[in-house]
Amino acid sequence: MKHVLLVSVIAFLLTSCSIAQRARTVTQVPTNTPPPAATEIHPTATLMPTSTPVPALGTIALDFVALLCNAQWMNGGQHLVPCPDVNADHSGGYAAPLDPTLEGLSEGTPVLLTMPATNGYAALFLQYPPITIHAGDRFRATLRCQSEVPCDVQYALEFFDTKGKYSGPFLSWNYKFGDPEIVVDEDLSSLVGQTVELVLTLRPQNDTPQLDQSLWIAPYIYRPGP
């Protein structure tokens, strides 16, 4: 009888140990499990390229640099060949797009270099294709001469109407070497509804027109949005 009781006690103790072991196994929390990785959220907004300057809430109705070769070139006494070869005679006046980085400007900035005639006519007129002026249209540009060039000039925006009548100077700005650059933002409301041919004009104000290498930086007709 004692033998049977001893076997039962041993069996009970073994069963209890097994249950306790299983309990410890179930409740044990591993200490070396890494925390769940954070969820990476990617923005969905589309980034606009910063190299394309677009006026806020508006458009460019006329880009004077882009349409340079579509303009009629004159110097007050002669009609000139638009966008002539670089090796051609430029004494009648000349215009060309300029690398903006040469003037310390941001790459992509449109810059128009203009030089008046040096053959006695002493002016340059660039007459652009017709444009109808809308309410809110503005002429914008920054005006100065090339760096370290002792210029003395008059810049002007002028125009022909539909009957061929010339109005000039319509708007004008005098610039002399050493002056601060001129930032232009002119309202064209007096021309609203008219179809005109705008003219960029450069007139020397000294006896050395060969030194009047003048810049029109980002010259536009800006049209606000609706």
C-alpha atoms as a PDB file:
ATOM      1  CA  MET A   1       0.000   0.000   0.000  1.00  0.00           C
ATOM      2  CA  LYS A   2       2.830   2.378   0.829  1.00  0.00           C
ATOM      3  CA  HIS A   3       4.442   1.528  -2.505  1.00  0.00           C
ATOM      4  CA  VAL A   4       1.276   2.433  -4.397  1.00  0.00           C
ATOM      5  CA  LEU A   5       0.944   5.721  -2.470  1.00  0.00           C
ATOM      6  CA  LEU A   6       4.563   6.664  -3.193  1.00  0.00           C
ATOM      7  CA  VAL A   7       4.087   6.064  -6.924  1.00  0.00           C
ATOM      8  CA  SER A   8       0.966   8.248  -6.913  1.00  0.00           C
ATOM      9  CA  VAL A   9       2.787  11.124  -5.164  1.00  0.00           C
ATOM     10  CA  ILE A  10       5.686  10.947  -7.614  1.00  0.00           C
ATOM     11  CA  ALA A  11       3.282  10.935 -10.557  1.00  0.00           C
ATOM     12  CA  PHE A  12       1.431  13.946  -9.098  1.00  0.00           C
ATOM     13  CA  LEU A  13       4.676  15.869  -8.623  1.00  0.00           C
ATOM     14  CA  LEU A  14       5.854  15.167 -12.194  1.00  0.00           C
ATOM     15  CA  THR A  15       2.497  16.273 -13.607  1.00  0.00           C
ATOM     16  CA  SER A  16       2.601  19.507 -11.563  1.00  0.00           C
ATOM     17  CA  CYS A  17       6.113  20.309 -12.769  1.00  0.00           C
ATOM     18  CA  SER A  18       5.078  19.745 -16.379  1.00  0.00           C
ATOM     19  CA  ILE A  19       2.067  22.060 -16.041  1.00  0.00           C
ATOM     20  CA  ALA A  20       4.194  24.747 -14.379  1.00  0.00           C
ATOM     21  CA  GLN A  21       6.797  24.471 -17.109  1.00  0.00           C
ATOM     22  CA  ARG A  22       4.131  24.846 -19.806  1.00  0.00           C
ATOM     23  CA  ALA A  23       2.710  27.851 -17.978  1.00  0.00           C
ATOM     24  CA  ARG A  24       6.129  29.520 -17.894  1.00  0.00           C
ATOM     25  CA  THR A  25       6.634  28.786 -21.563  1.00  0.00           C
ATOM     26  CA  VAL A  26       3.318  30.408 -22.547  1.00  0.00           C
ATOM     27  CA  THR A  27       3.658  33.530 -20.431  1.00  0.00           C
ATOM     28  CA  GLN A  28       7.330  34.259 -21.162  1.00  0.00           C
ATOM     29  CA  VAL A  29       7.855  37.428 -23.291  1.00  0.00           C
ATOM     30  CA  PRO A  30      11.010  37.387 -25.450  1.00  0.00           C
ATOM     31  CA  THR A  31      13.288  40.302 -24.664  1.00  0.00           C
ATOM     32  CA  ASN A  32      15.203  40.291 -27.961  1.00  0.00           C
ATOM     33  CA  THR A  33      12.295  40.901 -30.384  1.00  0.00           C
ATOM     34  CA  PRO A  34      12.845  44.231 -32.220  1.00  0.00           C
ATOM     35  CA  PRO A  35       9.964  46.753 -32.235  1.00  0.00           C
ATOM     36  CA  PRO A  36       7.903  46.931 -35.417  1.00  0.00           C
ATOM     37  CA  ALA A  37       9.459  49.117 -38.048  1.00  0.00           C
ATOM     38  CA  ALA A  38       7.921  52.579 -38.482  1.00  0.00           C
ATOM     39  CA  THR A  39       5.709  52.980 -41.549  1.00  0.00           C
ATOM     40  CA  GLU A  40       7.387  55.286 -44.063  1.00  0.00           C
ATOM     41  CA  ILE A  41       4.950  57.826 -45.534  1.00  0.00           C
ATOM     42  CA  HIS A  42       5.865  59.308 -48.891  1.00  0.00           C
ATOM     43  CA  PRO A  43       4.417  62.695 -49.881  1.00  0.00           C
ATOM     44  CA  THR A  44       2.058  62.553 -52.829  1.00  0.00           C
ATOM     45  CA  ALA A  45       2.272  66.222 -53.894  1.00  0.00           C
ATOM     46  CA  THR A  46       3.793  66.847 -57.323  1.00  0.00           C
ATOM     47  CA  LEU A  47       6.827  69.132 -57.171  1.00  0.00           C
ATOM     48  CA  MET A  48       6.914  71.806 -59.872  1.00  0.00           C
ATOM     49  CA  PRO A  49      10.318  72.355 -61.517  1.00  0.00           C
ATOM     50  CA  THR A  50      11.987  75.463 -60.154  1.00  0.00           C
ATOM     51  CA  SER A  51      13.887  76.140 -63.361  1.00  0.00           C
ATOM     52  CA  THR A  52      10.809  77.288 -65.281  1.00  0.00           C
ATOM     53  CA  PRO A  53       9.836  80.783 -64.168  1.00  0.00           C
ATOM     54  CA  VAL A  54       6.060  81.189 -64.550  1.00  0.00           C
ATOM     55  CA  PRO A  55       4.443  84.394 -63.284  1.00  0.00           C
ATOM     56  CA  ALA A  56       2.033  83.640 -60.431  1.00  0.00           C
ATOM     57  CA  LEU A  57      -1.627  83.765 -61.456  1.00  0.00           C
ATOM     58  CA  GLY A  58      -0.804  85.033 -64.931  1.00  0.00           C
ATOM     59  CA  THR A  59       0.849  84.380 -68.273  1.00  0.00           C
ATOM     60  CA  ILE A  60       3.389  85.915 -70.594  1.00  0.00           C
ATOM     61  CA  ALA A  61       1.449  87.462 -73.465  1.00  0.00           C
ATOM     62  CA  LEU A  62       4.591  88.551 -75.342  1.00  0.00           C
ATOM     63  CA  ASP A  63       8.156  87.390 -74.759  1.00  0.00           C
ATOM     64  CA  PHE A  64      10.442  89.966 -76.378  1.00  0.00           C
ATOM     65  CA  VAL A  65      13.503  87.692 -76.247  1.00  0.00           C
ATOM     66  CA  ALA A  66      11.810  84.596 -77.690  1.00  0.00           C
ATOM     67  CA  LEU A  67      10.280  86.598 -80.572  1.00  0.00           C
ATOM     68  CA  LEU A  68      13.389  88.620 -81.388  1.00  0.00           C
ATOM     69  CA  CYS A  69      13.809  87.092 -84.857  1.00  0.00           C
ATOM     70  CA  ASN A  70      10.114  87.759 -85.626  1.00  0.00           C
ATOM     71  CA  ALA A  71      10.583  91.490 -85.097  1.00  0.00           C
ATOM     72  CA  GLN A  72      11.372  94.059 -87.768  1.00  0.00           C
ATOM     73  CA  TRP A  73      14.735  95.708 -87.111  1.00  0.00           C
ATOM     74  CA  MET A  74      15.384  99.370 -87.988  1.00  0.00           C
ATOM     75  CA  ASN A  75      17.731 102.162 -86.975  1.00  0.00           C
ATOM     76  CA  GLY A  76      15.817 105.258 -88.044  1.00  0.00           C
ATOM     77  CA  GLY A  77      17.221 105.290 -91.564  1.00  0.00           C
ATOM     78  CA  GLN A  78      17.591 101.641 -92.562  1.00  0.00           C
ATOM     79  CA  HIS A  79      15.704  98.388 -92.349  1.00  0.00           C
ATOM     80  CA  LEU A  80      18.001  95.701 -90.992  1.00  0.00           C
ATOM     81  CA  VAL A  81      18.107  91.931 -91.380  1.00  0.00           C
ATOM     82  CA  PRO A  82      16.675  90.361 -88.190  1.00  0.00           C
ATOM     83  CA  CYS A  83      19.024  88.021 -86.326  1.00  0.00           C
ATOM     84  CA  PRO A  84      21.955  88.352 -88.743  1.00  0.00           C
ATOM     85  CA  ASP A  85      24.970  86.091 -88.705  1.00  0.00           C
ATOM     86  CA  VAL A  86      27.408  86.870 -85.910  1.00  0.00           C
ATOM     87  CA  ASN A  87      30.042  87.701 -88.513  1.00  0.00           C
ATOM     88  CA  ALA A  88      27.804  90.148 -90.392  1.00  0.00           C
ATOM     89  CA  ASP A  89      28.203  93.931 -90.310  1.00  0.00           C
ATOM     90  CA  HIS A  90      26.522  95.119 -87.098  1.00  0.00           C
ATOM     91  CA  SER A  91      27.218  98.836 -87.523  1.00  0.00           C
ATOM     92  CA  GLY A  92      23.528  99.477 -88.261  1.00  0.00           C
ATOM     93  CA  GLY A  93      22.541  98.205 -84.811  1.00  0.00           C
ATOM     94  CA  TYR A  94      22.350  94.771 -83.309  1.00  0.00           C
ATOM     95  CA  ALA A  95      20.407  92.636 -80.831  1.00  0.00           C
ATOM     96  CA  ALA A  96      20.906  89.111 -79.518  1.00  0.00           C
ATOM     97  CA  PRO A  97      19.975  86.902 -76.565  1.00  0.00           C
ATOM     98  CA  LEU A  98      22.730  86.909 -73.940  1.00  0.00           C
ATOM     99  CA  ASP A  99      23.893  84.177 -71.584  1.00  0.00           C
ATOM    100  CA  PRO A 100      22.589  85.463 -68.219  1.00  0.00           C
ATOM    101  CA  THR A 101      25.417  83.864 -66.239  1.00  0.00           C
ATOM    102  CA  LEU A 102      27.853  86.281 -67.904  1.00  0.00           C
ATOM    103  CA  GLU A 103      26.065  89.054 -66.018  1.00  0.00           C
ATOM    104  CA  GLY A 104      25.748  87.235 -62.719  1.00  0.00           C
ATOM    105  CA  LEU A 105      22.116  86.312 -63.327  1.00  0.00           C
ATOM    106  CA  SER A 106      20.429  82.975 -62.749  1.00  0.00           C
ATOM    107  CA  GLU A 107      20.645  80.417 -65.522  1.00  0.00           C
ATOM    108  CA  GLY A 108      17.488  80.509 -67.620  1.00  0.00           C
ATOM    109  CA  THR A 109      16.851  84.235 -67.145  1.00  0.00           C
ATOM    110  CA  PRO A 110      15.972  85.707 -70.565  1.00  0.00           C
ATOM    111  CA  VAL A 111      18.299  88.599 -71.406  1.00  0.00           C
ATOM    112  CA  LEU A 112      18.310  90.710 -74.560  1.00  0.00           C
ATOM    113  CA  LEU A 113      21.477  92.582 -75.489  1.00  0.00           C
ATOM    114  CA  THR A 114      20.908  95.622 -77.718  1.00  0.00           C
ATOM    115  CA  MET A 115      23.426  97.944 -79.342  1.00  0.00           C
ATOM    116  CA  PRO A 116      22.502 101.093 -81.284  1.00  0.00           C
ATOM    117  CA  ALA A 117      23.753 101.910 -84.739  1.00  0.00           C
ATOM    118  CA  THR A 118      27.275 103.261 -85.012  1.00  0.00           C
ATOM    119  CA  ASN A 119      27.024 104.220 -88.701  1.00  0.00           C
ATOM    120  CA  GLY A 120      25.467 107.631 -88.109  1.00  0.00           C
ATOM    121  CA  TYR A 121      21.840 106.655 -87.473  1.00  0.00           C
ATOM    122  CA  ALA A 122      22.483 106.110 -83.757  1.00  0.00           C
ATOM    123  CA  ALA A 123      19.382 104.189 -82.676  1.00  0.00           C
ATOM    124  CA  LEU A 124      17.838 100.735 -82.743  1.00  0.00           C
ATOM    125  CA  PHE A 125      14.137  99.867 -83.130  1.00  0.00           C
ATOM    126  CA  LEU A 126      12.736  96.352 -82.742  1.00  0.00           C
ATOM    127  CA  GLN A 127       9.134  96.248 -83.997  1.00  0.00           C
ATOM    128  CA  TYR A 128       7.240  93.160 -82.803  1.00  0.00           C
ATOM    129  CA  PRO A 129       4.229  91.344 -84.323  1.00  0.00           C
ATOM    130  CA  PRO A 130       0.738  92.669 -83.465  1.00  0.00           C
ATOM    131  CA  ILE A 131      -0.715  92.063 -80.028  1.00  0.00           C
ATOM    132  CA  THR A 132      -4.103  93.065 -78.622  1.00  0.00           C
ATOM    133  CA  ILE A 133      -3.720  94.636 -75.192  1.00  0.00           C
ATOM    134  CA  HIS A 134      -6.027  93.263 -72.478  1.00  0.00           C
ATOM    135  CA  ALA A 135      -7.120  94.819 -69.221  1.00  0.00           C
ATOM    136  CA  GLY A 136      -4.380  94.311 -66.630  1.00  0.00           C
ATOM    137  CA  ASP A 137      -1.538  93.847 -69.135  1.00  0.00           C
ATOM    138  CA  ARG A 138       1.798  95.215 -67.929  1.00  0.00           C
ATOM    139  CA  PHE A 139       5.237  95.742 -69.412  1.00  0.00           C
ATOM    140  CA  ARG A 140       7.925  94.278 -67.169  1.00  0.00           C
ATOM    141  CA  ALA A 141      11.709  94.347 -67.517  1.00  0.00           C
ATOM    142  CA  THR A 142      14.886  95.228 -65.688  1.00  0.00           C
ATOM    143  CA  LEU A 143      17.116  97.690 -67.539  1.00  0.00           C
ATOM    144  CA  ARG A 144      20.848  98.259 -67.255  1.00  0.00           C
ATOM    145  CA  CYS A 145      23.957  98.129 -69.389  1.00  0.00           C
ATOM    146  CA  GLN A 146      26.535  95.372 -69.456  1.00  0.00           C
ATOM    147  CA  SER A 147      28.848  95.316 -66.458  1.00  0.00           C
ATOM    148  CA  GLU A 148      31.594  97.954 -66.491  1.00  0.00           C
ATOM    149  CA  VAL A 149      30.374  99.464 -69.776  1.00  0.00           C
ATOM    150  CA  PRO A 150      30.274 103.316 -69.633  1.00  0.00           C
ATOM    151  CA  CYS A 151      26.919 103.651 -71.393  1.00  0.00           C
ATOM    152  CA  ASP A 152      24.455 106.541 -71.535  1.00  0.00           C
ATOM    153  CA  VAL A 153      21.177 105.534 -73.189  1.00  0.00           C
ATOM    154  CA  GLN A 154      17.449 105.943 -73.339  1.00  0.00           C
ATOM    155  CA  TYR A 155      15.308 102.811 -73.277  1.00  0.00           C
ATOM    156  CA  ALA A 156      11.749 103.149 -74.593  1.00  0.00           C
ATOM    157  CA  LEU A 157       8.627 101.141 -75.292  1.00  0.00           C
ATOM    158  CA  GLU A 158       6.812 102.574 -78.301  1.00  0.00           C
ATOM    159  CA  PHE A 159       4.180 101.299 -80.758  1.00  0.00           C
ATOM    160  CA  PHE A 160       2.472 101.438 -84.132  1.00  0.00           C
ATOM    161  CA  ASP A 161      -1.341 101.397 -84.158  1.00  0.00           C
ATOM    162  CA  THR A 162      -3.492  99.568 -86.733  1.00  0.00           C
ATOM    163  CA  LYS A 163      -3.339 102.603 -89.047  1.00  0.00           C
ATOM    164  CA  GLY A 164       0.442 102.614 -88.999  1.00  0.00           C
ATOM    165  CA  LYS A 165       0.694 105.715 -86.816  1.00  0.00           C
ATOM    166  CA  TYR A 166       3.799 105.715 -84.662  1.00  0.00           C
ATOM    167  CA  SER A 167       3.619 106.701 -81.010  1.00  0.00           C
ATOM    168  CA  GLY A 168       6.952 107.306 -79.413  1.00  0.00           C
ATOM    169  CA  PRO A 169       8.269 107.654 -76.923  1.00  0.00           C
ATOM    170  CA  PHE A 170       5.274 106.049 -75.230  1.00  0.00           C
ATOM    171  CA  LEU A 171       7.235 105.001 -72.137  1.00  0.00           C
ATOM    172  CA  SER A 172      10.924 105.814 -71.655  1.00  0.00           C
ATOM    173  CA  TRP A 173      13.718 105.468 -69.106  1.00  0.00           C
ATOM    174  CA  ASN A 174      17.163 107.084 -69.096  1.00  0.00           C
ATOM    175  CA  TYR A 175      20.101 105.082 -67.802  1.00  0.00           C
ATOM    176  CA  LYS A 176      23.726 106.107 -67.337  1.00  0.00           C
ATOM    177  CA  PHE A 177      26.722 104.105 -66.189  1.00  0.00           C
ATOM    178  CA  GLY A 178      26.803 104.005 -62.399  1.00  0.00           C
ATOM    179  CA  ASP A 179      23.034 104.322 -61.975  1.00  0.00           C
ATOM    180  CA  PRO A 180      21.127 101.570 -60.161  1.00  0.00           C
ATOM    181  CA  GLU A 181      19.318  99.206 -62.490  1.00  0.00           C
ATOM    182  CA  ILE A 182      15.792 100.240 -63.478  1.00  0.00           C
ATOM    183  CA  VAL A 183      13.003  97.823 -62.530  1.00  0.00           C
ATOM    184  CA  VAL A 184      10.049  98.434 -64.826  1.00  0.00           C
ATOM    185  CA  ASP A 185       6.471  97.352 -64.116  1.00  0.00           C
ATOM    186  CA  GLU A 186       4.234  99.577 -66.223  1.00  0.00           C
ATOM    187  CA  ASP A 187       0.461  99.433 -66.570  1.00  0.00           C
ATOM    188  CA  LEU A 188      -0.714  99.406 -70.212  1.00  0.00           C
ATOM    189  CA  SER A 189      -4.335 100.287 -69.457  1.00  0.00           C
ATOM    190  CA  SER A 190      -4.257 103.248 -71.870  1.00  0.00           C
ATOM    191  CA  LEU A 191      -3.940 100.731 -74.739  1.00  0.00           C
ATOM    192  CA  VAL A 192      -6.647  98.266 -73.631  1.00  0.00           C
ATOM    193  CA  GLY A 193      -8.610  96.927 -76.597  1.00  0.00           C
ATOM    194  CA  GLN A 194      -6.107  98.201 -79.156  1.00  0.00           C
ATOM    195  CA  THR A 195      -4.079  95.975 -81.444  1.00  0.00           C
ATOM    196  CA  VAL A 196      -0.587  97.428 -81.622  1.00  0.00           C
ATOM    197  CA  GLU A 197       2.906  96.564 -82.783  1.00  0.00           C
ATOM    198  CA  LEU A 198       5.141  97.233 -79.810  1.00  0.00           C
ATOM    199  CA  VAL A 199       8.647  98.576 -80.386  1.00  0.00           C
ATOM    200  CA  LEU A 200      11.653  98.199 -78.100  1.00  0.00           C
ATOM    201  CA  THR A 201      13.797 101.278 -78.697  1.00  0.00           C
ATOM    202  CA  LEU A 202      17.353 102.130 -77.717  1.00  0.00           C
ATOM    203  CA  ARG A 203      18.730 105.643 -78.248  1.00  0.00           C
ATOM    204  CA  PRO A 204      22.278 106.652 -77.309  1.00  0.00           C
ATOM    205  CA  GLN A 205      22.629 109.834 -75.267  1.00  0.00           C
ATOM    206  CA  ASN A 206      26.323 110.400 -75.944  1.00  0.00           C
ATOM    207  CA  ASP A 207      28.888 110.456 -78.737  1.00  0.00           C
ATOM    208  CA  THR A 208      30.091 106.901 -78.176  1.00  0.00           C
ATOM    209  CA  PRO A 209      27.223 104.599 -79.227  1.00  0.00           C
ATOM    210  CA  GLN A 210      29.719 101.754 -79.629  1.00  0.00           C
ATOM    211  CA  LEU A 211      29.858 101.630 -75.821  1.00  0.00           C
ATOM    212  CA  ASP A 212      26.088 101.509 -75.323  1.00  0.00           C
ATOM    213  CA  GLN A 213      25.762  97.754 -74.865  1.00  0.00           C
ATOM    214  CA  SER A 214      22.409  97.681 -73.149  1.00  0.00           C
ATOM    215  CA  LEU A 215      20.436  94.891 -71.474  1.00  0.00           C
ATOM    216  CA  TRP A 216      16.718  94.189 -71.255  1.00  0.00           C
ATOM    217  CA  ILE A 217      16.420  91.541 -68.538  1.00  0.00           C
ATOM    218  CA  ALA A 218      13.256  89.383 -68.661  1.00  0.00           C
ATOM    219  CA  PRO A 219      11.308  91.794 -70.912  1.00  0.00           C
ATOM    220  CA  TYR A 220       7.664  90.627 -71.074  1.00  0.00           C
ATOM    221  CA  ILE A 221       4.113  91.700 -71.558  1.00  0.00           C
ATOM    222  CA  TYR A 222       2.593  90.128 -68.457  1.00  0.00           C
ATOM    223  CA  ARG A 223      -1.110  89.244 -68.443  1.00  0.00           C
ATOM    224  CA  PRO A 224      -2.791  88.470 -65.094  1.00  0.00           C
ATOM    225  CA  GLY A 225      -5.001  85.431 -64.776  1.00  0.00           C
ATOM    226  CA  PRO A 226      -8.802  85.570 -64.654  1.00  0.00           C
END
